[in-house]
Amino acid sequence: MKQTKLFCDTCGKECDPKSGASQFVGVLARLDIKLEKQIYQFAQDYCSACSEVILNFISELKKDIKK
């Protein structure tokens, strides 16, 4: 049997996928000095406590954008 363990990329705690662990995936695009597009992709694993902090932060950003 294969066993997979997840560790939070923020606090380092081992997290159980059944207890609310999550993964956030994102893409950042920017232009370099020559005005060529550069794309950065990332994926991070988070425990339930850190996920809640991130989701609250995103919610606050959405509120600021709507103003």
C-alpha atoms as a PDB file:
ATOM      1  CA  MET A   1       0.000   0.000   0.000  1.00  0.00           C
ATOM      2  CA  LYS A   2       1.282   3.428  -0.945  1.00  0.00           C
ATOM      3  CA  GLN A   3       1.177   6.036   1.809  1.00  0.00           C
ATOM      4  CA  THR A   4       1.260   9.730   0.991  1.00  0.00           C
ATOM      5  CA  LYS A   5       1.948  12.400   3.591  1.00  0.00           C
ATOM      6  CA  LEU A   6       1.199  16.091   3.119  1.00  0.00           C
ATOM      7  CA  PHE A   7       2.984  18.880   4.935  1.00  0.00           C
ATOM      8  CA  CYS A   8       1.790  22.476   5.058  1.00  0.00           C
ATOM      9  CA  ASP A   9       4.091  24.730   3.029  1.00  0.00           C
ATOM     10  CA  THR A  10       3.459  27.598   5.453  1.00  0.00           C
ATOM     11  CA  CYS A  11       3.690  26.179   8.980  1.00  0.00           C
ATOM     12  CA  GLY A  12       5.272  22.791   8.234  1.00  0.00           C
ATOM     13  CA  LYS A  13       2.683  20.698  10.102  1.00  0.00           C
ATOM     14  CA  GLU A  14       1.678  17.340   8.699  1.00  0.00           C
ATOM     15  CA  CYS A  15      -1.865  17.653   7.398  1.00  0.00           C
ATOM     16  CA  ASP A  16      -4.489  15.039   6.800  1.00  0.00           C
ATOM     17  CA  PRO A  17      -6.374  15.489   3.504  1.00  0.00           C
ATOM     18  CA  LYS A  18      -9.561  14.310   5.231  1.00  0.00           C
ATOM     19  CA  SER A  19      -9.415  17.111   7.826  1.00  0.00           C
ATOM     20  CA  GLY A  20      -9.495  20.059   5.439  1.00  0.00           C
ATOM     21  CA  ALA A  21      -6.038  20.192   3.894  1.00  0.00           C
ATOM     22  CA  SER A  22      -6.046  21.995   0.565  1.00  0.00           C
ATOM     23  CA  GLN A  23      -3.889  22.923  -2.366  1.00  0.00           C
ATOM     24  CA  PHE A  24      -3.882  26.351  -3.984  1.00  0.00           C
ATOM     25  CA  VAL A  25      -2.682  26.646  -7.560  1.00  0.00           C
ATOM     26  CA  GLY A  26      -1.884  29.946  -9.181  1.00  0.00           C
ATOM     27  CA  VAL A  27      -0.335  31.617 -12.192  1.00  0.00           C
ATOM     28  CA  LEU A  28       1.462  34.946 -12.301  1.00  0.00           C
ATOM     29  CA  ALA A  29       2.172  36.658 -15.598  1.00  0.00           C
ATOM     30  CA  ARG A  30       4.540  39.571 -15.963  1.00  0.00           C
ATOM     31  CA  LEU A  31       6.603  41.361 -18.580  1.00  0.00           C
ATOM     32  CA  ASP A  32      10.393  41.395 -18.465  1.00  0.00           C
ATOM     33  CA  ILE A  33      12.672  44.262 -19.548  1.00  0.00           C
ATOM     34  CA  LYS A  34      12.286  43.284 -23.224  1.00  0.00           C
ATOM     35  CA  LEU A  35       8.475  43.301 -22.784  1.00  0.00           C
ATOM     36  CA  GLU A  36       8.305  39.540 -23.242  1.00  0.00           C
ATOM     37  CA  LYS A  37       5.676  37.718 -21.210  1.00  0.00           C
ATOM     38  CA  GLN A  38       6.943  35.455 -18.426  1.00  0.00           C
ATOM     39  CA  ILE A  39       4.604  33.032 -16.716  1.00  0.00           C
ATOM     40  CA  TYR A  40       5.197  31.626 -13.246  1.00  0.00           C
ATOM     41  CA  GLN A  41       3.049  28.737 -12.033  1.00  0.00           C
ATOM     42  CA  PHE A  42       2.906  27.479  -8.473  1.00  0.00           C
ATOM     43  CA  ALA A  43       1.060  24.938  -6.345  1.00  0.00           C
ATOM     44  CA  GLN A  44       1.253  24.789  -2.548  1.00  0.00           C
ATOM     45  CA  ASP A  45      -0.259  22.494   0.089  1.00  0.00           C
ATOM     46  CA  TYR A  46      -1.831  24.000   3.221  1.00  0.00           C
ATOM     47  CA  CYS A  47      -3.302  22.690   6.462  1.00  0.00           C
ATOM     48  CA  SER A  48      -6.857  23.676   7.380  1.00  0.00           C
ATOM     49  CA  ALA A  49      -5.750  26.550   9.658  1.00  0.00           C
ATOM     50  CA  CYS A  50      -3.469  28.134   7.036  1.00  0.00           C
ATOM     51  CA  SER A  51      -6.102  27.549   4.324  1.00  0.00           C
ATOM     52  CA  GLU A  52      -8.591  29.544   6.360  1.00  0.00           C
ATOM     53  CA  VAL A  53      -6.161  32.474   6.654  1.00  0.00           C
ATOM     54  CA  ILE A  54      -5.544  32.449   2.895  1.00  0.00           C
ATOM     55  CA  LEU A  55      -9.242  32.267   2.041  1.00  0.00           C
ATOM     56  CA  ASN A  56      -9.991  35.174   4.404  1.00  0.00           C
ATOM     57  CA  PHE A  57      -7.233  37.201   2.733  1.00  0.00           C
ATOM     58  CA  ILE A  58      -8.676  36.473  -0.723  1.00  0.00           C
ATOM     59  CA  SER A  59     -12.144  37.483   0.498  1.00  0.00           C
ATOM     60  CA  GLU A  60     -10.775  40.806   1.748  1.00  0.00           C
ATOM     61  CA  LEU A  61      -9.078  41.428  -1.607  1.00  0.00           C
ATOM     62  CA  LYS A  62     -12.360  40.794  -3.410  1.00  0.00           C
ATOM     63  CA  LYS A  63     -14.112  43.304  -1.136  1.00  0.00           C
ATOM     64  CA  ASP A  64     -11.455  45.930  -1.881  1.00  0.00           C
ATOM     65  CA  ILE A  65     -11.765  45.362  -5.638  1.00  0.00           C
ATOM     66  CA  LYS A  66     -15.537  45.856  -5.568  1.00  0.00           C
ATOM     67  CA  LYS A  67     -15.193  49.272  -3.853  1.00  0.00           C
END
